[in-house]
């Protein structure tokens, strides 16, 4: 067929790459869930203007869209997508997820006491954040497994 787009068949994609791509999508889904919870909290508290909320949501939606786009290229064996995901979401994204908890610990706050006082929404957010971080760590490890490295080496040889 003229003009058709060819992609690598799913069977040719190594299991670590398939699983890594799924983990990135889990991380994105968790990020969307966390964003919804945060917006609901801001609206309930009335602590942010509509413009601030729209801007924050807009930035996050762009990041989520770029992540999903990169996952598509990751599955196709594009090493540039793997490296971009690793740098953008694996390193920078993880740091942004961990800044507040680390700052809280450095300020001497007791994590057990903090957990004891959480509302349902805060428990949901915390659980989602744990899933989010776990998915990112799993994706990072899987993207650099030997079978994945071989798969991405083909991209450099084209």
C-alpha atoms as a PDB file:
ATOM      1  CA  UNK A   1       0.000   0.000   0.000  1.00  0.00           C
ATOM      2  CA  UNK A   2       1.280   3.430  -0.864  1.00  0.00           C
ATOM      3  CA  UNK A   3       1.613   5.842   2.019  1.00  0.00           C
ATOM      4  CA  UNK A   4       1.122   3.262   4.749  1.00  0.00           C
ATOM      5  CA  UNK A   5       3.142   3.547   7.909  1.00  0.00           C
ATOM      6  CA  UNK A   6       5.193   0.515   8.892  1.00  0.00           C
ATOM      7  CA  UNK A   7       6.025  -0.273  12.453  1.00  0.00           C
ATOM      8  CA  UNK A   8       7.877  -3.107  14.087  1.00  0.00           C
ATOM      9  CA  UNK A   9       5.562  -6.048  14.751  1.00  0.00           C
ATOM     10  CA  UNK A  10       4.706  -6.516  18.411  1.00  0.00           C
ATOM     11  CA  UNK A  11       6.325  -9.979  18.419  1.00  0.00           C
ATOM     12  CA  UNK A  12       9.675  -8.416  17.485  1.00  0.00           C
ATOM     13  CA  UNK A  13       9.636  -6.052  20.459  1.00  0.00           C
ATOM     14  CA  UNK A  14      11.513  -7.644  23.386  1.00  0.00           C
ATOM     15  CA  UNK A  15       9.487  -8.275  26.549  1.00  0.00           C
ATOM     16  CA  UNK A  16      11.523  -5.764  28.642  1.00  0.00           C
ATOM     17  CA  UNK A  17      10.704  -3.009  26.139  1.00  0.00           C
ATOM     18  CA  UNK A  18       7.017  -3.946  26.039  1.00  0.00           C
ATOM     19  CA  UNK A  19       6.839  -4.018  29.813  1.00  0.00           C
ATOM     20  CA  UNK A  20       8.792  -0.756  30.123  1.00  0.00           C
ATOM     21  CA  UNK A  21       6.373   0.938  27.738  1.00  0.00           C
ATOM     22  CA  UNK A  22       3.456  -0.324  29.831  1.00  0.00           C
ATOM     23  CA  UNK A  23       5.124   0.926  33.011  1.00  0.00           C
ATOM     24  CA  UNK A  24       5.556   4.382  31.468  1.00  0.00           C
ATOM     25  CA  UNK A  25       1.834   4.389  30.657  1.00  0.00           C
ATOM     26  CA  UNK A  26       1.042   3.361  34.249  1.00  0.00           C
ATOM     27  CA  UNK A  27       3.211   6.276  35.434  1.00  0.00           C
ATOM     28  CA  UNK A  28       1.345   8.669  33.132  1.00  0.00           C
ATOM     29  CA  UNK A  29      -2.023   7.354  34.347  1.00  0.00           C
ATOM     30  CA  UNK A  30      -0.917   7.799  37.957  1.00  0.00           C
ATOM     31  CA  UNK A  31       0.231  11.327  37.134  1.00  0.00           C
ATOM     32  CA  UNK A  32      -3.165  12.151  35.625  1.00  0.00           C
ATOM     33  CA  UNK A  33      -4.911  10.721  38.709  1.00  0.00           C
ATOM     34  CA  UNK A  34      -2.661  12.772  41.017  1.00  0.00           C
ATOM     35  CA  UNK A  35      -3.368  15.894  38.963  1.00  0.00           C
ATOM     36  CA  UNK A  36      -7.128  15.358  39.263  1.00  0.00           C
ATOM     37  CA  UNK A  37      -6.830  14.927  43.036  1.00  0.00           C
ATOM     38  CA  UNK A  38      -4.645  18.041  43.336  1.00  0.00           C
ATOM     39  CA  UNK A  39      -7.035  20.149  41.247  1.00  0.00           C
ATOM     40  CA  UNK A  40      -9.998  18.939  43.305  1.00  0.00           C
ATOM     41  CA  UNK A  41      -8.105  19.903  46.462  1.00  0.00           C
ATOM     42  CA  UNK A  42      -7.235  23.361  45.097  1.00  0.00           C
ATOM     43  CA  UNK A  43     -10.832  23.949  44.075  1.00  0.00           C
ATOM     44  CA  UNK A  44     -12.133  22.812  47.477  1.00  0.00           C
ATOM     45  CA  UNK A  45      -9.678  25.031  49.344  1.00  0.00           C
ATOM     46  CA  UNK A  46     -10.013  27.973  46.979  1.00  0.00           C
ATOM     47  CA  UNK A  47      -6.268  28.597  47.292  1.00  0.00           C
ATOM     48  CA  UNK A  48      -5.507  28.950  43.583  1.00  0.00           C
ATOM     49  CA  UNK A  49      -6.967  31.147  40.891  1.00  0.00           C
ATOM     50  CA  UNK A  50      -8.628  29.528  37.876  1.00  0.00           C
ATOM     51  CA  UNK A  51      -5.750  30.821  35.740  1.00  0.00           C
ATOM     52  CA  UNK A  52      -3.176  29.110  37.941  1.00  0.00           C
ATOM     53  CA  UNK A  53      -5.113  25.852  37.815  1.00  0.00           C
ATOM     54  CA  UNK A  54      -5.532  25.990  34.035  1.00  0.00           C
ATOM     55  CA  UNK A  55      -1.825  26.774  33.574  1.00  0.00           C
ATOM     56  CA  UNK A  56      -0.763  23.930  35.865  1.00  0.00           C
ATOM     57  CA  UNK A  57      -3.097  21.458  34.177  1.00  0.00           C
ATOM     58  CA  UNK A  58      -1.944  22.649  30.754  1.00  0.00           C
ATOM     59  CA  UNK A  59       1.726  22.093  31.531  1.00  0.00           C
ATOM     60  CA  UNK A  60       1.030  18.636  32.941  1.00  0.00           C
ATOM     61  CA  UNK A  61      -1.105  17.632  29.957  1.00  0.00           C
ATOM     62  CA  UNK A  62       1.728  18.608  27.621  1.00  0.00           C
ATOM     63  CA  UNK A  63       4.188  16.513  29.667  1.00  0.00           C
ATOM     64  CA  UNK A  64       1.777  13.555  29.652  1.00  0.00           C
ATOM     65  CA  UNK A  65       1.223  13.855  25.883  1.00  0.00           C
ATOM     66  CA  UNK A  66       4.963  14.034  25.197  1.00  0.00           C
ATOM     67  CA  UNK A  67       5.511  10.998  27.432  1.00  0.00           C
ATOM     68  CA  UNK A  68       2.902   8.951  25.549  1.00  0.00           C
ATOM     69  CA  UNK A  69       4.417  10.075  22.228  1.00  0.00           C
ATOM     70  CA  UNK A  70       7.875   8.983  23.404  1.00  0.00           C
ATOM     71  CA  UNK A  71       6.527   5.621  24.583  1.00  0.00           C
ATOM     72  CA  UNK A  72       5.279   4.984  21.061  1.00  0.00           C
ATOM     73  CA  UNK A  73       8.751   5.592  19.681  1.00  0.00           C
ATOM     74  CA  UNK A  74      10.307   3.537  22.470  1.00  0.00           C
ATOM     75  CA  UNK A  75       8.275   0.525  21.352  1.00  0.00           C
ATOM     76  CA  UNK A  76       9.487   1.085  17.802  1.00  0.00           C
ATOM     77  CA  UNK A  77      13.073   0.768  18.999  1.00  0.00           C
ATOM     78  CA  UNK A  78      14.141   4.394  18.786  1.00  0.00           C
ATOM     79  CA  UNK A  79      17.065   4.919  21.126  1.00  0.00           C
ATOM     80  CA  UNK A  80      16.544   8.696  21.189  1.00  0.00           C
ATOM     81  CA  UNK A  81      13.102   8.079  22.725  1.00  0.00           C
ATOM     82  CA  UNK A  82      14.585   5.767  25.354  1.00  0.00           C
ATOM     83  CA  UNK A  83      17.241   8.326  26.295  1.00  0.00           C
ATOM     84  CA  UNK A  84      14.724  11.183  26.343  1.00  0.00           C
ATOM     85  CA  UNK A  85      12.354   9.219  28.600  1.00  0.00           C
ATOM     86  CA  UNK A  86      15.247   8.287  30.872  1.00  0.00           C
ATOM     87  CA  UNK A  87      16.445  11.900  31.204  1.00  0.00           C
ATOM     88  CA  UNK A  88      13.126  13.737  31.151  1.00  0.00           C
ATOM     89  CA  UNK A  89      10.915  11.465  33.225  1.00  0.00           C
ATOM     90  CA  UNK A  90      13.311   8.976  34.752  1.00  0.00           C
ATOM     91  CA  UNK A  91      15.668  11.542  36.251  1.00  0.00           C
ATOM     92  CA  UNK A  92      14.058  14.996  36.216  1.00  0.00           C
ATOM     93  CA  UNK A  93      10.524  13.662  36.753  1.00  0.00           C
ATOM     94  CA  UNK A  94      11.598  11.470  39.648  1.00  0.00           C
ATOM     95  CA  UNK A  95      13.388  14.363  41.321  1.00  0.00           C
ATOM     96  CA  UNK A  96      10.242  16.496  41.082  1.00  0.00           C
ATOM     97  CA  UNK A  97       8.197  13.676  42.646  1.00  0.00           C
ATOM     98  CA  UNK A  98      10.622  13.291  45.543  1.00  0.00           C
ATOM     99  CA  UNK A  99      11.418  16.930  46.376  1.00  0.00           C
ATOM    100  CA  UNK A 100       8.525  17.501  48.806  1.00  0.00           C
ATOM    101  CA  UNK A 101       8.918  14.252  50.784  1.00  0.00           C
ATOM    102  CA  UNK A 102      12.678  14.763  51.071  1.00  0.00           C
ATOM    103  CA  UNK A 103      12.250  18.390  52.168  1.00  0.00           C
ATOM    104  CA  UNK A 104       9.728  17.270  54.770  1.00  0.00           C
ATOM    105  CA  UNK A 105      12.173  14.700  56.165  1.00  0.00           C
ATOM    106  CA  UNK A 106      15.019  17.225  56.195  1.00  0.00           C
ATOM    107  CA  UNK A 107      12.823  19.636  58.168  1.00  0.00           C
ATOM    108  CA  UNK A 108      12.439  16.963  60.820  1.00  0.00           C
ATOM    109  CA  UNK A 109       8.830  15.974  60.168  1.00  0.00           C
ATOM    110  CA  UNK A 110       7.857  12.514  61.339  1.00  0.00           C
ATOM    111  CA  UNK A 111       6.640  10.473  58.319  1.00  0.00           C
ATOM    112  CA  UNK A 112       4.630   8.088  60.530  1.00  0.00           C
ATOM    113  CA  UNK A 113       2.809  10.986  62.176  1.00  0.00           C
ATOM    114  CA  UNK A 114       2.195  12.551  58.766  1.00  0.00           C
ATOM    115  CA  UNK A 115       0.675   9.324  57.449  1.00  0.00           C
ATOM    116  CA  UNK A 116      -1.533   8.970  60.517  1.00  0.00           C
ATOM    117  CA  UNK A 117      -3.243  12.280  59.809  1.00  0.00           C
ATOM    118  CA  UNK A 118      -4.003  11.786  56.112  1.00  0.00           C
ATOM    119  CA  UNK A 119      -7.470  12.245  54.689  1.00  0.00           C
ATOM    120  CA  UNK A 120      -8.890   9.749  52.185  1.00  0.00           C
ATOM    121  CA  UNK A 121      -7.874  11.989  49.286  1.00  0.00           C
ATOM    122  CA  UNK A 122      -4.352  12.282  50.691  1.00  0.00           C
ATOM    123  CA  UNK A 123      -4.142   8.491  51.094  1.00  0.00           C
ATOM    124  CA  UNK A 124      -5.242   8.066  47.477  1.00  0.00           C
ATOM    125  CA  UNK A 125      -2.649  10.605  46.364  1.00  0.00           C
ATOM    126  CA  UNK A 126       0.090   8.899  48.397  1.00  0.00           C
ATOM    127  CA  UNK A 127      -0.833   5.459  47.058  1.00  0.00           C
ATOM    128  CA  UNK A 128      -0.864   6.800  43.515  1.00  0.00           C
ATOM    129  CA  UNK A 129       2.516   8.466  44.023  1.00  0.00           C
ATOM    130  CA  UNK A 130       3.990   5.155  45.218  1.00  0.00           C
ATOM    131  CA  UNK A 131       2.596   3.388  42.130  1.00  0.00           C
ATOM    132  CA  UNK A 132       3.875   6.258  39.981  1.00  0.00           C
ATOM    133  CA  UNK A 133       7.415   6.040  41.356  1.00  0.00           C
ATOM    134  CA  UNK A 134       7.429   2.236  41.206  1.00  0.00           C
ATOM    135  CA  UNK A 135       6.373   2.303  37.555  1.00  0.00           C
ATOM    136  CA  UNK A 136       9.105   4.817  36.690  1.00  0.00           C
ATOM    137  CA  UNK A 137      11.811   2.785  38.446  1.00  0.00           C
ATOM    138  CA  UNK A 138      10.621  -0.420  36.766  1.00  0.00           C
ATOM    139  CA  UNK A 139      10.517   1.248  33.344  1.00  0.00           C
ATOM    140  CA  UNK A 140      14.006   2.658  33.804  1.00  0.00           C
ATOM    141  CA  UNK A 141      15.455  -0.724  34.741  1.00  0.00           C
ATOM    142  CA  UNK A 142      13.641  -2.556  31.949  1.00  0.00           C
ATOM    143  CA  UNK A 143      14.665  -0.082  29.237  1.00  0.00           C
ATOM    144  CA  UNK A 144      18.308  -0.896  29.870  1.00  0.00           C
ATOM    145  CA  UNK A 145      18.122  -4.698  30.184  1.00  0.00           C
ATOM    146  CA  UNK A 146      20.386  -6.643  27.780  1.00  0.00           C
ATOM    147  CA  UNK A 147      17.526  -7.590  25.414  1.00  0.00           C
ATOM    148  CA  UNK A 148      16.423  -3.951  25.292  1.00  0.00           C
ATOM    149  CA  UNK A 149      19.977  -2.759  24.641  1.00  0.00           C
ATOM    150  CA  UNK A 150      20.219  -5.140  21.661  1.00  0.00           C
ATOM    151  CA  UNK A 151      16.874  -3.901  20.351  1.00  0.00           C
ATOM    152  CA  UNK A 152      17.911  -0.258  20.589  1.00  0.00           C
ATOM    153  CA  UNK A 153      21.319  -0.963  19.074  1.00  0.00           C
ATOM    154  CA  UNK A 154      19.483  -1.731  15.805  1.00  0.00           C
ATOM    155  CA  UNK A 155      18.286   1.884  15.751  1.00  0.00           C
ATOM    156  CA  UNK A 156      21.866   3.171  15.873  1.00  0.00           C
ATOM    157  CA  UNK A 157      22.833   0.876  12.992  1.00  0.00           C
ATOM    158  CA  UNK A 158      20.165   2.260  10.605  1.00  0.00           C
END
